Amino acid sequence: MAIGDEVRIAARKRLLFLPHAIRQMSRPERMITPREMESVVTTGELIEDYPNDPRGHSCLMLGRGDINRALHVVCSPKDEYLAIITAYLPDPGQWSDDFRRRR
């Protein structure tokens, strides 16, 4: 099964926000909501695959949050949940105009 499918299946069970993700989400200049994160992992696009991640197979998802802002979410599907590793607003200086490719 492809990692993108595994992400969606795990997301339907439960989202587990790891400490780093919570810190990133709650930074005053970005304030990413759990609802936005859920939207990214259930409807977003897989843009990078990390099969050899020491935390387990993970991936980078791109989606749109509130006010149509681009969001990146790194997550790892587990049997009982989807681990949300981190989330951030992609830096236009480091990503292509569509936020799908690193510069």
PDB file of N, CA and C in Angstrom:
ATOM      1  N   MET A   1       0.849  -1.179   0.000  1.00  0.00           N
ATOM      2  CA  MET A   1       0.000   0.000   0.000  1.00  0.00           C
ATOM      3  C   MET A   1       0.893   1.239   0.000  1.00  0.00           C
ATOM      4  N   ALA A   2       0.500   2.235  -0.737  1.00  0.00           N
ATOM      5  CA  ALA A   2       1.268   3.481  -0.832  1.00  0.00           C
ATOM      6  C   ALA A   2       1.157   4.271   0.469  1.00  0.00           C
ATOM      7  N   ILE A   3       2.200   5.006   0.790  1.00  0.00           N
ATOM      8  CA  ILE A   3       2.234   5.779   2.042  1.00  0.00           C
ATOM      9  C   ILE A   3       1.072   6.778   2.125  1.00  0.00           C
ATOM     10  N   GLY A   4       0.698   7.385   1.016  1.00  0.00           N
ATOM     11  CA  GLY A   4      -0.419   8.332   1.030  1.00  0.00           C
ATOM     12  C   GLY A   4      -1.717   7.670   1.473  1.00  0.00           C
ATOM     13  N   ASP A   5      -1.955   6.450   1.015  1.00  0.00           N
ATOM     14  CA  ASP A   5      -3.143   5.703   1.437  1.00  0.00           C
ATOM     15  C   ASP A   5      -3.060   5.362   2.919  1.00  0.00           C
ATOM     16  N   GLU A   6      -1.882   4.964   3.373  1.00  0.00           N
ATOM     17  CA  GLU A   6      -1.691   4.641   4.785  1.00  0.00           C
ATOM     18  C   GLU A   6      -1.949   5.865   5.671  1.00  0.00           C
ATOM     19  N   VAL A   7      -1.512   7.031   5.207  1.00  0.00           N
ATOM     20  CA  VAL A   7      -1.739   8.277   5.953  1.00  0.00           C
ATOM     21  C   VAL A   7      -3.234   8.515   6.124  1.00  0.00           C
ATOM     22  N   ARG A   8      -3.998   8.400   5.064  1.00  0.00           N
ATOM     23  CA  ARG A   8      -5.429   8.675   5.134  1.00  0.00           C
ATOM     24  C   ARG A   8      -6.155   7.668   6.034  1.00  0.00           C
ATOM     25  N   ILE A   9      -5.768   6.406   5.954  1.00  0.00           N
ATOM     26  CA  ILE A   9      -6.383   5.381   6.807  1.00  0.00           C
ATOM     27  C   ILE A   9      -6.079   5.661   8.272  1.00  0.00           C
ATOM     28  N   ALA A  10      -4.810   5.939   8.579  1.00  0.00           N
ATOM     29  CA  ALA A  10      -4.416   6.217   9.961  1.00  0.00           C
ATOM     30  C   ALA A  10      -5.076   7.499  10.473  1.00  0.00           C
ATOM     31  N   ALA A  11      -5.215   8.505   9.619  1.00  0.00           N
ATOM     32  CA  ALA A  11      -5.826   9.783  10.023  1.00  0.00           C
ATOM     33  C   ALA A  11      -7.289   9.599  10.412  1.00  0.00           C
ATOM     34  N   ARG A  12      -7.975   8.654   9.792  1.00  0.00           N
ATOM     35  CA  ARG A  12      -9.375   8.399  10.134  1.00  0.00           C
ATOM     36  C   ARG A  12      -9.505   7.781  11.527  1.00  0.00           C
ATOM     37  N   LYS A  13      -8.438   7.131  11.998  1.00  0.00           N
ATOM     38  CA  LYS A  13      -8.472   6.511  13.332  1.00  0.00           C
ATOM     39  C   LYS A  13      -8.248   7.551  14.423  1.00  0.00           C
ATOM     40  N   ARG A  14      -7.110   8.256  14.341  1.00  0.00           N
ATOM     41  CA  ARG A  14      -6.779   9.246  15.372  1.00  0.00           C
ATOM     42  C   ARG A  14      -5.529  10.000  14.942  1.00  0.00           C
ATOM     43  N   LEU A  15      -5.455  11.275  15.288  1.00  0.00           N
ATOM     44  CA  LEU A  15      -4.239  12.064  15.070  1.00  0.00           C
ATOM     45  C   LEU A  15      -3.536  12.204  16.411  1.00  0.00           C
ATOM     46  N   LEU A  16      -2.238  11.929  16.418  1.00  0.00           N
ATOM     47  CA  LEU A  16      -1.422  12.098  17.618  1.00  0.00           C
ATOM     48  C   LEU A  16      -0.391  13.174  17.304  1.00  0.00           C
ATOM     49  N   PHE A  17      -0.499  14.314  17.986  1.00  0.00           N
ATOM     50  CA  PHE A  17       0.394  15.443  17.757  1.00  0.00           C
ATOM     51  C   PHE A  17       1.621  15.290  18.652  1.00  0.00           C
ATOM     52  N   LEU A  18       2.785  15.072  18.057  1.00  0.00           N
ATOM     53  CA  LEU A  18       4.016  14.938  18.824  1.00  0.00           C
ATOM     54  C   LEU A  18       4.435  16.310  19.348  1.00  0.00           C
ATOM     55  N   PRO A  19       5.264  16.346  20.398  1.00  0.00           N
ATOM     56  CA  PRO A  19       5.624  17.628  21.024  1.00  0.00           C
ATOM     57  C   PRO A  19       6.161  18.684  20.051  1.00  0.00           C
ATOM     58  N   HIS A  20       6.998  18.273  19.113  1.00  0.00           N
ATOM     59  CA  HIS A  20       7.533  19.249  18.159  1.00  0.00           C
ATOM     60  C   HIS A  20       6.412  19.874  17.324  1.00  0.00           C
ATOM     61  N   ALA A  21       5.467  19.058  16.905  1.00  0.00           N
ATOM     62  CA  ALA A  21       4.341  19.577  16.123  1.00  0.00           C
ATOM     63  C   ALA A  21       3.539  20.581  16.939  1.00  0.00           C
ATOM     64  N   ILE A  22       3.298  20.274  18.197  1.00  0.00           N
ATOM     65  CA  ILE A  22       2.532  21.189  19.053  1.00  0.00           C
ATOM     66  C   ILE A  22       3.264  22.516  19.205  1.00  0.00           C
ATOM     67  N   ARG A  23       4.576  22.455  19.406  1.00  0.00           N
ATOM     68  CA  ARG A  23       5.345  23.704  19.524  1.00  0.00           C
ATOM     69  C   ARG A  23       5.254  24.518  18.240  1.00  0.00           C
ATOM     70  N   GLN A  24       5.391  23.867  17.096  1.00  0.00           N
ATOM     71  CA  GLN A  24       5.344  24.578  15.814  1.00  0.00           C
ATOM     72  C   GLN A  24       3.950  25.161  15.549  1.00  0.00           C
ATOM     73  N   MET A  25       2.920  24.399  15.872  1.00  0.00           N
ATOM     74  CA  MET A  25       1.547  24.839  15.628  1.00  0.00           C
ATOM     75  C   MET A  25       1.184  26.057  16.469  1.00  0.00           C
ATOM     76  N   SER A  26       1.749  26.144  17.671  1.00  0.00           N
ATOM     77  CA  SER A  26       1.335  27.190  18.601  1.00  0.00           C
ATOM     78  C   SER A  26       2.201  28.441  18.563  1.00  0.00           C
ATOM     79  N   ARG A  27       3.147  28.504  17.626  1.00  0.00           N
ATOM     80  CA  ARG A  27       3.950  29.726  17.509  1.00  0.00           C
ATOM     81  C   ARG A  27       3.041  30.879  17.081  1.00  0.00           C
ATOM     82  N   PRO A  28       3.123  32.009  17.775  1.00  0.00           N
ATOM     83  CA  PRO A  28       2.189  33.119  17.519  1.00  0.00           C
ATOM     84  C   PRO A  28       2.138  33.579  16.061  1.00  0.00           C
ATOM     85  N   GLU A  29       3.250  33.519  15.354  1.00  0.00           N
ATOM     86  CA  GLU A  29       3.247  34.019  13.971  1.00  0.00           C
ATOM     87  C   GLU A  29       2.623  33.042  12.980  1.00  0.00           C
ATOM     88  N   ARG A  30       2.271  31.829  13.427  1.00  0.00           N
ATOM     89  CA  ARG A  30       1.656  30.893  12.480  1.00  0.00           C
ATOM     90  C   ARG A  30       0.356  30.297  12.979  1.00  0.00           C
ATOM     91  N   MET A  31       0.221  29.946  14.232  1.00  0.00           N
ATOM     92  CA  MET A  31      -1.011  29.403  14.828  1.00  0.00           C
ATOM     93  C   MET A  31      -1.757  28.466  13.872  1.00  0.00           C
ATOM     94  N   ILE A  32      -1.270  27.262  13.748  1.00  0.00           N
ATOM     95  CA  ILE A  32      -1.888  26.246  12.894  1.00  0.00           C
ATOM     96  C   ILE A  32      -2.855  25.438  13.762  1.00  0.00           C
ATOM     97  N   THR A  33      -4.092  25.330  13.334  1.00  0.00           N
ATOM     98  CA  THR A  33      -5.105  24.643  14.133  1.00  0.00           C
ATOM     99  C   THR A  33      -5.121  23.135  13.841  1.00  0.00           C
ATOM    100  N   PRO A  34      -5.582  22.352  14.800  1.00  0.00           N
ATOM    101  CA  PRO A  34      -5.741  20.911  14.550  1.00  0.00           C
ATOM    102  C   PRO A  34      -6.660  20.642  13.357  1.00  0.00           C
ATOM    103  N   ARG A  35      -7.691  21.469  13.187  1.00  0.00           N
ATOM    104  CA  ARG A  35      -8.593  21.304  12.044  1.00  0.00           C
ATOM    105  C   ARG A  35      -7.847  21.460  10.715  1.00  0.00           C
ATOM    106  N   GLU A  36      -6.928  22.437  10.651  1.00  0.00           N
ATOM    107  CA  GLU A  36      -6.135  22.630   9.442  1.00  0.00           C
ATOM    108  C   GLU A  36      -5.259  21.410   9.182  1.00  0.00           C
ATOM    109  N   MET A  37      -4.658  20.896  10.255  1.00  0.00           N
ATOM    110  CA  MET A  37      -3.788  19.725  10.108  1.00  0.00           C
ATOM    111  C   MET A  37      -4.579  18.525   9.587  1.00  0.00           C
ATOM    112  N   GLU A  38      -5.760  18.338  10.152  1.00  0.00           N
ATOM    113  CA  GLU A  38      -6.604  17.225   9.715  1.00  0.00           C
ATOM    114  C   GLU A  38      -6.959  17.365   8.235  1.00  0.00           C
ATOM    115  N   SER A  39      -7.241  18.583   7.806  1.00  0.00           N
ATOM    116  CA  SER A  39      -7.556  18.826   6.401  1.00  0.00           C
ATOM    117  C   SER A  39      -6.374  18.467   5.499  1.00  0.00           C
ATOM    118  N   VAL A  40      -5.167  18.848   5.902  1.00  0.00           N
ATOM    119  CA  VAL A  40      -3.977  18.552   5.091  1.00  0.00           C
ATOM    120  C   VAL A  40      -3.775  17.047   4.951  1.00  0.00           C
ATOM    121  N   VAL A  41      -3.867  16.305   6.045  1.00  0.00           N
ATOM    122  CA  VAL A  41      -3.562  14.870   5.975  1.00  0.00           C
ATOM    123  C   VAL A  41      -4.688  14.049   5.351  1.00  0.00           C
ATOM    124  N   THR A  42      -5.903  14.595   5.314  1.00  0.00           N
ATOM    125  CA  THR A  42      -6.996  13.838   4.698  1.00  0.00           C
ATOM    126  C   THR A  42      -7.251  14.214   3.246  1.00  0.00           C
ATOM    127  N   THR A  43      -6.899  15.449   2.866  1.00  0.00           N
ATOM    128  CA  THR A  43      -7.193  15.871   1.489  1.00  0.00           C
ATOM    129  C   THR A  43      -5.970  16.403   0.751  1.00  0.00           C
ATOM    130  N   GLY A  44      -4.840  16.537   1.449  1.00  0.00           N
ATOM    131  CA  GLY A  44      -3.650  17.124   0.840  1.00  0.00           C
ATOM    132  C   GLY A  44      -2.930  16.193  -0.115  1.00  0.00           C
ATOM    133  N   GLU A  45      -1.821  16.688  -0.584  1.00  0.00           N
ATOM    134  CA  GLU A  45      -1.009  15.992  -1.595  1.00  0.00           C
ATOM    135  C   GLU A  45       0.329  15.573  -0.990  1.00  0.00           C
ATOM    136  N   LEU A  46       0.700  14.333  -1.204  1.00  0.00           N
ATOM    137  CA  LEU A  46       1.998  13.847  -0.767  1.00  0.00           C
ATOM    138  C   LEU A  46       3.058  14.434  -1.698  1.00  0.00           C
ATOM    139  N   ILE A  47       4.045  15.136  -1.128  1.00  0.00           N
ATOM    140  CA  ILE A  47       5.067  15.733  -1.991  1.00  0.00           C
ATOM    141  C   ILE A  47       6.464  15.162  -1.756  1.00  0.00           C
ATOM    142  N   GLU A  48       6.710  14.553  -0.595  1.00  0.00           N
ATOM    143  CA  GLU A  48       7.991  13.889  -0.340  1.00  0.00           C
ATOM    144  C   GLU A  48       7.723  12.646   0.502  1.00  0.00           C
ATOM    145  N   ASP A  49       8.480  11.592   0.197  1.00  0.00           N
ATOM    146  CA  ASP A  49       8.355  10.306   0.896  1.00  0.00           C
ATOM    147  C   ASP A  49       9.680  10.021   1.596  1.00  0.00           C
ATOM    148  N   TYR A  50       9.614   9.644   2.866  1.00  0.00           N
ATOM    149  CA  TYR A  50      10.813   9.364   3.657  1.00  0.00           C
ATOM    150  C   TYR A  50      10.758   7.924   4.184  1.00  0.00           C
ATOM    151  N   PRO A  51      11.010   6.929   3.321  1.00  0.00           N
ATOM    152  CA  PRO A  51      10.886   5.531   3.755  1.00  0.00           C
ATOM    153  C   PRO A  51      11.908   5.114   4.810  1.00  0.00           C
ATOM    154  N   ASN A  52      13.023   5.805   4.904  1.00  0.00           N
ATOM    155  CA  ASN A  52      14.071   5.413   5.848  1.00  0.00           C
ATOM    156  C   ASN A  52      14.141   6.302   7.085  1.00  0.00           C
ATOM    157  N   ASP A  53      13.077   7.029   7.373  1.00  0.00           N
ATOM    158  CA  ASP A  53      13.047   7.897   8.549  1.00  0.00           C
ATOM    159  C   ASP A  53      13.214   7.036   9.809  1.00  0.00           C
ATOM    160  N   PRO A  54      14.123   7.412  10.710  1.00  0.00           N
ATOM    161  CA  PRO A  54      14.325   6.618  11.928  1.00  0.00           C
ATOM    162  C   PRO A  54      13.074   6.512  12.810  1.00  0.00           C
ATOM    163  N   ARG A  55      12.137   7.457  12.657  1.00  0.00           N
ATOM    164  CA  ARG A  55      10.889   7.401  13.437  1.00  0.00           C
ATOM    165  C   ARG A  55       9.870   6.459  12.812  1.00  0.00           C
ATOM    166  N   GLY A  56      10.206   5.893  11.679  1.00  0.00           N
ATOM    167  CA  GLY A  56       9.272   5.074  10.903  1.00  0.00           C
ATOM    168  C   GLY A  56       8.957   5.778   9.600  1.00  0.00           C
ATOM    169  N   HIS A  57       8.503   5.021   8.637  1.00  0.00           N
ATOM    170  CA  HIS A  57       8.179   5.564   7.315  1.00  0.00           C
ATOM    171  C   HIS A  57       7.295   6.797   7.493  1.00  0.00           C
ATOM    172  N   SER A  58       7.715   7.909   6.920  1.00  0.00           N
ATOM    173  CA  SER A  58       6.965   9.157   7.049  1.00  0.00           C
ATOM    174  C   SER A  58       6.926   9.860   5.703  1.00  0.00           C
ATOM    175  N   CYS A  59       6.223  10.970   5.672  1.00  0.00           N
ATOM    176  CA  CYS A  59       6.097  11.721   4.422  1.00  0.00           C
ATOM    177  C   CYS A  59       5.758  13.173   4.721  1.00  0.00           C
ATOM    178  N   LEU A  60       5.916  14.000   3.706  1.00  0.00           N
ATOM    179  CA  LEU A  60       5.563  15.413   3.763  1.00  0.00           C
ATOM    180  C   LEU A  60       4.322  15.620   2.907  1.00  0.00           C
ATOM    181  N   MET A  61       3.297  16.207   3.537  1.00  0.00           N
ATOM    182  CA  MET A  61       2.047  16.485   2.846  1.00  0.00           C
ATOM    183  C   MET A  61       1.896  17.998   2.674  1.00  0.00           C
ATOM    184  N   LEU A  62       1.315  18.385   1.555  1.00  0.00           N
ATOM    185  CA  LEU A  62       0.997  19.785   1.271  1.00  0.00           C
ATOM    186  C   LEU A  62      -0.512  19.919   1.202  1.00  0.00           C
ATOM    187  N   GLY A  63      -1.022  20.925   1.856  1.00  0.00           N
ATOM    188  CA  GLY A  63      -2.443  21.190   1.786  1.00  0.00           C
ATOM    189  C   GLY A  63      -2.715  22.658   2.034  1.00  0.00           C
ATOM    190  N   ARG A  64      -3.969  22.999   2.113  1.00  0.00           N
ATOM    191  CA  ARG A  64      -4.386  24.379   2.337  1.00  0.00           C
ATOM    192  C   ARG A  64      -5.120  24.478   3.654  1.00  0.00           C
ATOM    193  N   GLY A  65      -4.793  25.509   4.384  1.00  0.00           N
ATOM    194  CA  GLY A  65      -5.441  25.747   5.667  1.00  0.00           C
ATOM    195  C   GLY A  65      -6.436  26.874   5.558  1.00  0.00           C
ATOM    196  N   ASP A  66      -6.738  27.440   6.714  1.00  0.00           N
ATOM    197  CA  ASP A  66      -7.644  28.583   6.750  1.00  0.00           C
ATOM    198  C   ASP A  66      -7.075  29.693   5.868  1.00  0.00           C
ATOM    199  N   ILE A  67      -7.945  30.494   5.343  1.00  0.00           N
ATOM    200  CA  ILE A  67      -7.611  31.583   4.418  1.00  0.00           C
ATOM    201  C   ILE A  67      -6.734  31.114   3.263  1.00  0.00           C
ATOM    202  N   ASN A  68      -6.866  29.835   2.925  1.00  0.00           N
ATOM    203  CA  ASN A  68      -6.208  29.234   1.766  1.00  0.00           C
ATOM    204  C   ASN A  68      -4.675  29.287   1.837  1.00  0.00           C
ATOM    205  N   ARG A  69      -4.113  29.363   3.023  1.00  0.00           N
ATOM    206  CA  ARG A  69      -2.651  29.402   3.141  1.00  0.00           C
ATOM    207  C   ARG A  69      -2.068  27.995   2.990  1.00  0.00           C
ATOM    208  N   ALA A  70      -0.901  27.902   2.346  1.00  0.00           N
ATOM    209  CA  ALA A  70      -0.228  26.618   2.152  1.00  0.00           C
ATOM    210  C   ALA A  70       0.336  26.135   3.487  1.00  0.00           C
ATOM    211  N   LEU A  71       0.189  24.832   3.729  1.00  0.00           N
ATOM    212  CA  LEU A  71       0.725  24.205   4.931  1.00  0.00           C
ATOM    213  C   LEU A  71       1.466  22.926   4.558  1.00  0.00           C
ATOM    214  N   HIS A  72       2.557  22.678   5.246  1.00  0.00           N
ATOM    215  CA  HIS A  72       3.279  21.417   5.142  1.00  0.00           C
ATOM    216  C   HIS A  72       3.122  20.660   6.453  1.00  0.00           C
ATOM    217  N   VAL A  73       2.866  19.369   6.356  1.00  0.00           N
ATOM    218  CA  VAL A  73       2.748  18.499   7.525  1.00  0.00           C
ATOM    219  C   VAL A  73       3.603  17.268   7.282  1.00  0.00           C
ATOM    220  N   VAL A  74       4.495  16.973   8.236  1.00  0.00           N
ATOM    221  CA  VAL A  74       5.271  15.737   8.203  1.00  0.00           C
ATOM    222  C   VAL A  74       4.574  14.776   9.147  1.00  0.00           C
ATOM    223  N   CYS A  75       4.250  13.585   8.641  1.00  0.00           N
ATOM    224  CA  CYS A  75       3.502  12.625   9.445  1.00  0.00           C
ATOM    225  C   CYS A  75       3.976  11.205   9.165  1.00  0.00           C
ATOM    226  N   SER A  76       3.613  10.323  10.087  1.00  0.00           N
ATOM    227  CA  SER A  76       4.012   8.923   9.994  1.00  0.00           C
ATOM    228  C   SER A  76       2.835   8.045  10.402  1.00  0.00           C
ATOM    229  N   PRO A  77       2.320   7.220   9.476  1.00  0.00           N
ATOM    230  CA  PRO A  77       1.184   6.364   9.824  1.00  0.00           C
ATOM    231  C   PRO A  77       1.619   5.199  10.707  1.00  0.00           C
ATOM    232  N   LYS A  78       0.834   4.951  11.737  1.00  0.00           N
ATOM    233  CA  LYS A  78       1.027   3.820  12.647  1.00  0.00           C
ATOM    234  C   LYS A  78      -0.242   2.979  12.602  1.00  0.00           C
ATOM    235  N   ASP A  79      -0.226   1.822  13.245  1.00  0.00           N
ATOM    236  CA  ASP A  79      -1.402   0.943  13.205  1.00  0.00           C
ATOM    237  C   ASP A  79      -2.648   1.594  13.790  1.00  0.00           C
ATOM    238  N   GLU A  80      -2.497   2.329  14.885  1.00  0.00           N
ATOM    239  CA  GLU A  80      -3.650   2.860  15.598  1.00  0.00           C
ATOM    240  C   GLU A  80      -3.869   4.359  15.439  1.00  0.00           C
ATOM    241  N   TYR A  81      -2.929   5.061  14.784  1.00  0.00           N
ATOM    242  CA  TYR A  81      -3.027   6.511  14.698  1.00  0.00           C
ATOM    243  C   TYR A  81      -2.079   7.045  13.632  1.00  0.00           C
ATOM    244  N   LEU A  82      -2.227   8.331  13.346  1.00  0.00           N
ATOM    245  CA  LEU A  82      -1.288   9.041  12.483  1.00  0.00           C
ATOM    246  C   LEU A  82      -0.477   9.971  13.356  1.00  0.00           C
ATOM    247  N   ALA A  83       0.833   9.764  13.407  1.00  0.00           N
ATOM    248  CA  ALA A  83       1.719  10.626  14.185  1.00  0.00           C
ATOM    249  C   ALA A  83       2.005  11.889  13.375  1.00  0.00           C
ATOM    250  N   ILE A  84       1.647  13.032  13.929  1.00  0.00           N
ATOM    251  CA  ILE A  84       1.956  14.315  13.303  1.00  0.00           C
ATOM    252  C   ILE A  84       3.289  14.756  13.894  1.00  0.00           C
ATOM    253  N   ILE A  85       4.333  14.717  13.080  1.00  0.00           N
ATOM    254  CA  ILE A  85       5.693  14.999  13.539  1.00  0.00           C
ATOM    255  C   ILE A  85       5.947  16.495  13.618  1.00  0.00           C
ATOM    256  N   THR A  86       5.570  17.206  12.577  1.00  0.00           N
ATOM    257  CA  THR A  86       5.703  18.666  12.581  1.00  0.00           C
ATOM    258  C   THR A  86       4.779  19.261  11.532  1.00  0.00           C
ATOM    259  N   ALA A  87       4.598  20.560  11.619  1.00  0.00           N
ATOM    260  CA  ALA A  87       3.787  21.309  10.660  1.00  0.00           C
ATOM    261  C   ALA A  87       4.351  22.715  10.575  1.00  0.00           C
ATOM    262  N   TYR A  88       4.283  23.288   9.388  1.00  0.00           N
ATOM    263  CA  TYR A  88       4.822  24.640   9.227  1.00  0.00           C
ATOM    264  C   TYR A  88       4.252  25.293   7.978  1.00  0.00           C
ATOM    265  N   LEU A  89       4.395  26.604   7.926  1.00  0.00           N
ATOM    266  CA  LEU A  89       4.063  27.367   6.728  1.00  0.00           C
ATOM    267  C   LEU A  89       5.322  27.365   5.866  1.00  0.00           C
ATOM    268  N   PRO A  90       5.270  26.801   4.660  1.00  0.00           N
ATOM    269  CA  PRO A  90       6.483  26.735   3.844  1.00  0.00           C
ATOM    270  C   PRO A  90       7.015  28.111   3.477  1.00  0.00           C
ATOM    271  N   ASP A  91       8.317  28.250   3.545  1.00  0.00           N
ATOM    272  CA  ASP A  91       9.007  29.503   3.230  1.00  0.00           C
ATOM    273  C   ASP A  91       9.102  29.646   1.713  1.00  0.00           C
ATOM    274  N   PRO A  92       8.511  30.703   1.129  1.00  0.00           N
ATOM    275  CA  PRO A  92       8.568  30.890  -0.324  1.00  0.00           C
ATOM    276  C   PRO A  92       9.999  30.957  -0.862  1.00  0.00           C
ATOM    277  N   GLY A  93      10.962  31.344  -0.039  1.00  0.00           N
ATOM    278  CA  GLY A  93      12.349  31.387  -0.479  1.00  0.00           C
ATOM    279  C   GLY A  93      12.999  30.018  -0.583  1.00  0.00           C
ATOM    280  N   GLN A  94      12.413  29.023   0.058  1.00  0.00           N
ATOM    281  CA  GLN A  94      12.979  27.676   0.056  1.00  0.00           C
ATOM    282  C   GLN A  94      12.193  26.693  -0.801  1.00  0.00           C
ATOM    283  N   TRP A  95      11.005  27.103  -1.256  1.00  0.00           N
ATOM    284  CA  TRP A  95      10.132  26.219  -2.019  1.00  0.00           C
ATOM    285  C   TRP A  95       9.723  26.862  -3.334  1.00  0.00           C
ATOM    286  N   SER A  96       9.354  26.023  -4.288  1.00  0.00           N
ATOM    287  CA  SER A  96       8.845  26.518  -5.571  1.00  0.00           C
ATOM    288  C   SER A  96       7.565  27.314  -5.318  1.00  0.00           C
ATOM    289  N   ASP A  97       7.109  28.030  -6.332  1.00  0.00           N
ATOM    290  CA  ASP A  97       5.926  28.876  -6.191  1.00  0.00           C
ATOM    291  C   ASP A  97       4.688  28.093  -5.749  1.00  0.00           C
ATOM    292  N   ASP A  98       4.617  26.807  -6.114  1.00  0.00           N
ATOM    293  CA  ASP A  98       3.462  25.989  -5.713  1.00  0.00           C
ATOM    294  C   ASP A  98       3.731  25.193  -4.433  1.00  0.00           C
ATOM    295  N   PHE A  99       4.893  25.403  -3.812  1.00  0.00           N
ATOM    296  CA  PHE A  99       5.304  24.774  -2.555  1.00  0.00           C
ATOM    297  C   PHE A  99       5.451  23.252  -2.651  1.00  0.00           C
ATOM    298  N   ARG A 100       5.667  22.735  -3.861  1.00  0.00           N
ATOM    299  CA  ARG A 100       5.801  21.291  -4.051  1.00  0.00           C
ATOM    300  C   ARG A 100       7.253  20.824  -4.155  1.00  0.00           C
ATOM    301  N   ARG A 101       8.172  21.713  -4.505  1.00  0.00           N
ATOM    302  CA  ARG A 101       9.572  21.322  -4.705  1.00  0.00           C
ATOM    303  C   ARG A 101      10.498  22.291  -3.981  1.00  0.00           C
ATOM    304  N   ARG A 102      11.526  21.715  -3.385  1.00  0.00           N
ATOM    305  CA  ARG A 102      12.530  22.545  -2.723  1.00  0.00           C
ATOM    306  C   ARG A 102      13.361  23.277  -3.773  1.00  0.00           C
ATOM    307  N   ARG A 103      13.779  24.484  -3.456  1.00  0.00           N
ATOM    308  CA  ARG A 103      14.628  25.252  -4.385  1.00  0.00           C
ATOM    309  C   ARG A 103      16.066  24.787  -4.255  1.00  0.00           C
TER     310      ARG A 103
END
